[in-house]
Amino acid sequence: MAVVPDSSAKKIVGELIDCFGEASEPYGNLFVKDVSDAYQLGTKLVGDEILTPK
């Protein structure tokens, strides 16, 4: 599982789709799901702050 900012999601999905190209049989599935809140335990960071390296 990977969690990325909304601003990066479409680009990442597009790159993954391009990598696999077209085939007669599927390689698998990719599910994109909204995350309503995120909290980093021990640091009190919340939201997109936890996705940005410090």
PDB file of N, CA and C in Angstrom:
ATOM      1  N   MET A   1       0.842  -1.163   0.000  1.00  0.00           N
ATOM      2  CA  MET A   1       0.000   0.000   0.000  1.00  0.00           C
ATOM      3  C   MET A   1       0.895   1.237   0.000  1.00  0.00           C
ATOM      4  N   ALA A   2       0.471   2.226  -0.712  1.00  0.00           N
ATOM      5  CA  ALA A   2       1.186   3.501  -0.738  1.00  0.00           C
ATOM      6  C   ALA A   2       0.185   4.622  -0.524  1.00  0.00           C
ATOM      7  N   VAL A   3       0.573   5.617   0.239  1.00  0.00           N
ATOM      8  CA  VAL A   3      -0.252   6.805   0.447  1.00  0.00           C
ATOM      9  C   VAL A   3       0.516   7.978  -0.125  1.00  0.00           C
ATOM     10  N   VAL A   4      -0.122   8.709  -1.029  1.00  0.00           N
ATOM     11  CA  VAL A   4       0.520   9.848  -1.676  1.00  0.00           C
ATOM     12  C   VAL A   4      -0.426  11.038  -1.650  1.00  0.00           C
ATOM     13  N   PRO A   5       0.098  12.248  -1.764  1.00  0.00           N
ATOM     14  CA  PRO A   5      -0.774  13.425  -1.831  1.00  0.00           C
ATOM     15  C   PRO A   5      -1.652  13.378  -3.076  1.00  0.00           C
ATOM     16  N   ASP A   6      -2.838  13.961  -2.972  1.00  0.00           N
ATOM     17  CA  ASP A   6      -3.751  14.011  -4.111  1.00  0.00           C
ATOM     18  C   ASP A   6      -3.083  14.612  -5.346  1.00  0.00           C
ATOM     19  N   SER A   7      -2.220  15.591  -5.121  1.00  0.00           N
ATOM     20  CA  SER A   7      -1.576  16.275  -6.248  1.00  0.00           C
ATOM     21  C   SER A   7      -0.663  15.347  -7.050  1.00  0.00           C
ATOM     22  N   SER A   8      -0.240  14.230  -6.469  1.00  0.00           N
ATOM     23  CA  SER A   8       0.641  13.281  -7.152  1.00  0.00           C
ATOM     24  C   SER A   8      -0.077  12.041  -7.671  1.00  0.00           C
ATOM     25  N   ALA A   9      -1.267  11.789  -7.193  1.00  0.00           N
ATOM     26  CA  ALA A   9      -1.954  10.520  -7.467  1.00  0.00           C
ATOM     27  C   ALA A   9      -2.173  10.261  -8.960  1.00  0.00           C
ATOM     28  N   LYS A  10      -2.741  11.211  -9.684  1.00  0.00           N
ATOM     29  CA  LYS A  10      -3.037  10.979 -11.104  1.00  0.00           C
ATOM     30  C   LYS A  10      -1.771  10.708 -11.913  1.00  0.00           C
ATOM     31  N   LYS A  11      -0.699  11.416 -11.608  1.00  0.00           N
ATOM     32  CA  LYS A  11       0.552  11.214 -12.330  1.00  0.00           C
ATOM     33  C   LYS A  11       1.097   9.804 -12.061  1.00  0.00           C
ATOM     34  N   ILE A  12       1.059   9.382 -10.815  1.00  0.00           N
ATOM     35  CA  ILE A  12       1.557   8.059 -10.460  1.00  0.00           C
ATOM     36  C   ILE A  12       0.720   6.965 -11.114  1.00  0.00           C
ATOM     37  N   VAL A  13      -0.593   7.105 -11.067  1.00  0.00           N
ATOM     38  CA  VAL A  13      -1.476   6.116 -11.697  1.00  0.00           C
ATOM     39  C   VAL A  13      -1.201   6.061 -13.198  1.00  0.00           C
ATOM     40  N   GLY A  14      -1.055   7.203 -13.831  1.00  0.00           N
ATOM     41  CA  GLY A  14      -0.760   7.242 -15.262  1.00  0.00           C
ATOM     42  C   GLY A  14       0.542   6.545 -15.607  1.00  0.00           C
ATOM     43  N   GLU A  15       1.567   6.774 -14.799  1.00  0.00           N
ATOM     44  CA  GLU A  15       2.862   6.129 -15.039  1.00  0.00           C
ATOM     45  C   GLU A  15       2.772   4.613 -14.862  1.00  0.00           C
ATOM     46  N   LEU A  16       2.030   4.173 -13.864  1.00  0.00           N
ATOM     47  CA  LEU A  16       1.852   2.726 -13.662  1.00  0.00           C
ATOM     48  C   LEU A  16       1.120   2.091 -14.839  1.00  0.00           C
ATOM     49  N   ILE A  17       0.057   2.728 -15.286  1.00  0.00           N
ATOM     50  CA  ILE A  17      -0.707   2.203 -16.427  1.00  0.00           C
ATOM     51  C   ILE A  17       0.175   2.140 -17.663  1.00  0.00           C
ATOM     52  N   ASP A  18       0.970   3.180 -17.898  1.00  0.00           N
ATOM     53  CA  ASP A  18       1.866   3.193 -19.060  1.00  0.00           C
ATOM     54  C   ASP A  18       2.921   2.090 -18.980  1.00  0.00           C
ATOM     55  N   CYS A  19       3.416   1.815 -17.769  1.00  0.00           N
ATOM     56  CA  CYS A  19       4.441   0.773 -17.595  1.00  0.00           C
ATOM     57  C   CYS A  19       3.938  -0.605 -18.003  1.00  0.00           C
ATOM     58  N   PHE A  20       2.685  -0.885 -17.719  1.00  0.00           N
ATOM     59  CA  PHE A  20       2.142  -2.206 -18.011  1.00  0.00           C
ATOM     60  C   PHE A  20       1.663  -2.339 -19.448  1.00  0.00           C
ATOM     61  N   GLY A  21       1.450  -1.235 -20.118  1.00  0.00           N
ATOM     62  CA  GLY A  21       1.025  -1.280 -21.510  1.00  0.00           C
ATOM     63  C   GLY A  21      -0.317  -1.970 -21.662  1.00  0.00           C
ATOM     64  N   GLU A  22      -0.494  -2.650 -22.783  1.00  0.00           N
ATOM     65  CA  GLU A  22      -1.753  -3.354 -23.057  1.00  0.00           C
ATOM     66  C   GLU A  22      -1.481  -4.839 -23.173  1.00  0.00           C
ATOM     67  N   ALA A  23      -2.392  -5.633 -22.632  1.00  0.00           N
ATOM     68  CA  ALA A  23      -2.264  -7.084 -22.686  1.00  0.00           C
ATOM     69  C   ALA A  23      -3.655  -7.691 -22.810  1.00  0.00           C
ATOM     70  N   SER A  24      -3.703  -8.921 -23.293  1.00  0.00           N
ATOM     71  CA  SER A  24      -5.005  -9.579 -23.413  1.00  0.00           C
ATOM     72  C   SER A  24      -5.512 -10.048 -22.054  1.00  0.00           C
ATOM     73  N   GLU A  25      -4.601 -10.289 -21.120  1.00  0.00           N
ATOM     74  CA  GLU A  25      -4.965 -10.691 -19.758  1.00  0.00           C
ATOM     75  C   GLU A  25      -4.476  -9.623 -18.785  1.00  0.00           C
ATOM     76  N   PRO A  26      -5.271  -9.297 -17.774  1.00  0.00           N
ATOM     77  CA  PRO A  26      -4.844  -8.264 -16.827  1.00  0.00           C
ATOM     78  C   PRO A  26      -3.707  -8.741 -15.930  1.00  0.00           C
ATOM     79  N   TYR A  27      -2.887  -7.777 -15.498  1.00  0.00           N
ATOM     80  CA  TYR A  27      -1.799  -8.058 -14.556  1.00  0.00           C
ATOM     81  C   TYR A  27      -2.286  -7.996 -13.120  1.00  0.00           C
ATOM     82  N   GLY A  28      -3.357  -7.292 -12.889  1.00  0.00           N
ATOM     83  CA  GLY A  28      -3.877  -7.104 -11.541  1.00  0.00           C
ATOM     84  C   GLY A  28      -4.760  -5.874 -11.511  1.00  0.00           C
ATOM     85  N   ASN A  29      -5.020  -5.390 -10.325  1.00  0.00           N
ATOM     86  CA  ASN A  29      -5.892  -4.233 -10.146  1.00  0.00           C
ATOM     87  C   ASN A  29      -5.195  -3.176  -9.309  1.00  0.00           C
ATOM     88  N   LEU A  30      -5.568  -1.944  -9.532  1.00  0.00           N
ATOM     89  CA  LEU A  30      -5.064  -0.826  -8.753  1.00  0.00           C
ATOM     90  C   LEU A  30      -6.278  -0.095  -8.200  1.00  0.00           C
ATOM     91  N   PHE A  31      -6.341   0.030  -6.903  1.00  0.00           N
ATOM     92  CA  PHE A  31      -7.458   0.719  -6.269  1.00  0.00           C
ATOM     93  C   PHE A  31      -6.967   2.042  -5.704  1.00  0.00           C
ATOM     94  N   VAL A  32      -7.715   3.103  -5.954  1.00  0.00           N
ATOM     95  CA  VAL A  32      -7.393   4.429  -5.438  1.00  0.00           C
ATOM     96  C   VAL A  32      -8.493   4.794  -4.457  1.00  0.00           C
ATOM     97  N   LYS A  33      -8.100   5.148  -3.254  1.00  0.00           N
ATOM     98  CA  LYS A  33      -9.070   5.422  -2.208  1.00  0.00           C
ATOM     99  C   LYS A  33      -8.714   6.726  -1.503  1.00  0.00           C
ATOM    100  N   ASP A  34      -9.730   7.512  -1.182  1.00  0.00           N
ATOM    101  CA  ASP A  34      -9.515   8.742  -0.419  1.00  0.00           C
ATOM    102  C   ASP A  34      -9.188   8.401   1.024  1.00  0.00           C
ATOM    103  N   VAL A  35      -8.267   9.155   1.587  1.00  0.00           N
ATOM    104  CA  VAL A  35      -7.945   9.051   3.003  1.00  0.00           C
ATOM    105  C   VAL A  35      -8.427  10.356   3.637  1.00  0.00           C
ATOM    106  N   SER A  36      -9.382  10.254   4.549  1.00  0.00           N
ATOM    107  CA  SER A  36      -9.982  11.471   5.099  1.00  0.00           C
ATOM    108  C   SER A  36      -9.068  12.173   6.100  1.00  0.00           C
ATOM    109  N   ASP A  37      -8.343  11.433   6.895  1.00  0.00           N
ATOM    110  CA  ASP A  37      -7.429  12.012   7.862  1.00  0.00           C
ATOM    111  C   ASP A  37      -6.215  11.110   8.029  1.00  0.00           C
ATOM    112  N   ALA A  38      -5.086  11.707   8.371  1.00  0.00           N
ATOM    113  CA  ALA A  38      -3.871  10.934   8.641  1.00  0.00           C
ATOM    114  C   ALA A  38      -3.158  11.574   9.828  1.00  0.00           C
ATOM    115  N   TYR A  39      -2.682  10.739  10.719  1.00  0.00           N
ATOM    116  CA  TYR A  39      -2.000  11.205  11.922  1.00  0.00           C
ATOM    117  C   TYR A  39      -0.719  10.417  12.104  1.00  0.00           C
ATOM    118  N   GLN A  40       0.367  11.093  12.405  1.00  0.00           N
ATOM    119  CA  GLN A  40       1.620  10.404  12.674  1.00  0.00           C
ATOM    120  C   GLN A  40       1.789  10.326  14.185  1.00  0.00           C
ATOM    121  N   LEU A  41       1.778   9.122  14.683  1.00  0.00           N
ATOM    122  CA  LEU A  41       1.861   8.917  16.124  1.00  0.00           C
ATOM    123  C   LEU A  41       3.238   9.309  16.642  1.00  0.00           C
ATOM    124  N   GLY A  42       3.263  10.039  17.739  1.00  0.00           N
ATOM    125  CA  GLY A  42       4.512  10.425  18.362  1.00  0.00           C
ATOM    126  C   GLY A  42       5.048  11.782  17.929  1.00  0.00           C
ATOM    127  N   THR A  43       4.579  12.314  16.805  1.00  0.00           N
ATOM    128  CA  THR A  43       5.089  13.607  16.331  1.00  0.00           C
ATOM    129  C   THR A  43       4.019  14.687  16.273  1.00  0.00           C
ATOM    130  N   LYS A  44       2.764  14.286  16.350  1.00  0.00           N
ATOM    131  CA  LYS A  44       1.623  15.201  16.260  1.00  0.00           C
ATOM    132  C   LYS A  44       1.464  15.830  14.882  1.00  0.00           C
ATOM    133  N   LEU A  45       2.130  15.288  13.859  1.00  0.00           N
ATOM    134  CA  LEU A  45       1.908  15.767  12.494  1.00  0.00           C
ATOM    135  C   LEU A  45       0.596  15.196  11.997  1.00  0.00           C
ATOM    136  N   VAL A  46      -0.100  15.985  11.168  1.00  0.00           N
ATOM    137  CA  VAL A  46      -1.381  15.538  10.628  1.00  0.00           C
ATOM    138  C   VAL A  46      -1.484  15.875   9.146  1.00  0.00           C
ATOM    139  N   GLY A  47      -2.349  15.151   8.457  1.00  0.00           N
ATOM    140  CA  GLY A  47      -2.624  15.427   7.055  1.00  0.00           C
ATOM    141  C   GLY A  47      -1.426  15.231   6.150  1.00  0.00           C
ATOM    142  N   ASP A  48      -1.318  16.088   5.133  1.00  0.00           N
ATOM    143  CA  ASP A  48      -0.238  15.983   4.156  1.00  0.00           C
ATOM    144  C   ASP A  48       1.145  16.187   4.763  1.00  0.00           C
ATOM    145  N   GLU A  49       1.201  16.752   5.964  1.00  0.00           N
ATOM    146  CA  GLU A  49       2.499  16.962   6.624  1.00  0.00           C
ATOM    147  C   GLU A  49       3.258  15.650   6.782  1.00  0.00           C
ATOM    148  N   ILE A  50       2.542  14.542   6.989  1.00  0.00           N
ATOM    149  CA  ILE A  50       3.226  13.271   7.211  1.00  0.00           C
ATOM    150  C   ILE A  50       3.765  12.685   5.908  1.00  0.00           C
ATOM    151  N   LEU A  51       3.331  13.208   4.785  1.00  0.00           N
ATOM    152  CA  LEU A  51       3.798  12.703   3.487  1.00  0.00           C
ATOM    153  C   LEU A  51       4.998  13.486   2.962  1.00  0.00           C
ATOM    154  N   THR A  52       5.353  14.561   3.636  1.00  0.00           N
ATOM    155  CA  THR A  52       6.460  15.414   3.210  1.00  0.00           C
ATOM    156  C   THR A  52       7.688  15.098   4.043  1.00  0.00           C
ATOM    157  N   PRO A  53       8.763  14.638   3.387  1.00  0.00           N
ATOM    158  CA  PRO A  53       9.988  14.337   4.156  1.00  0.00           C
ATOM    159  C   PRO A  53      10.545  15.595   4.810  1.00  0.00           C
ATOM    160  N   LYS A  54      11.049  15.429   6.000  1.00  0.00           N
ATOM    161  CA  LYS A  54      11.645  16.560   6.723  1.00  0.00           C
ATOM    162  C   LYS A  54      13.143  16.497   6.652  1.00  0.00           C
TER     163      LYS A  54
END
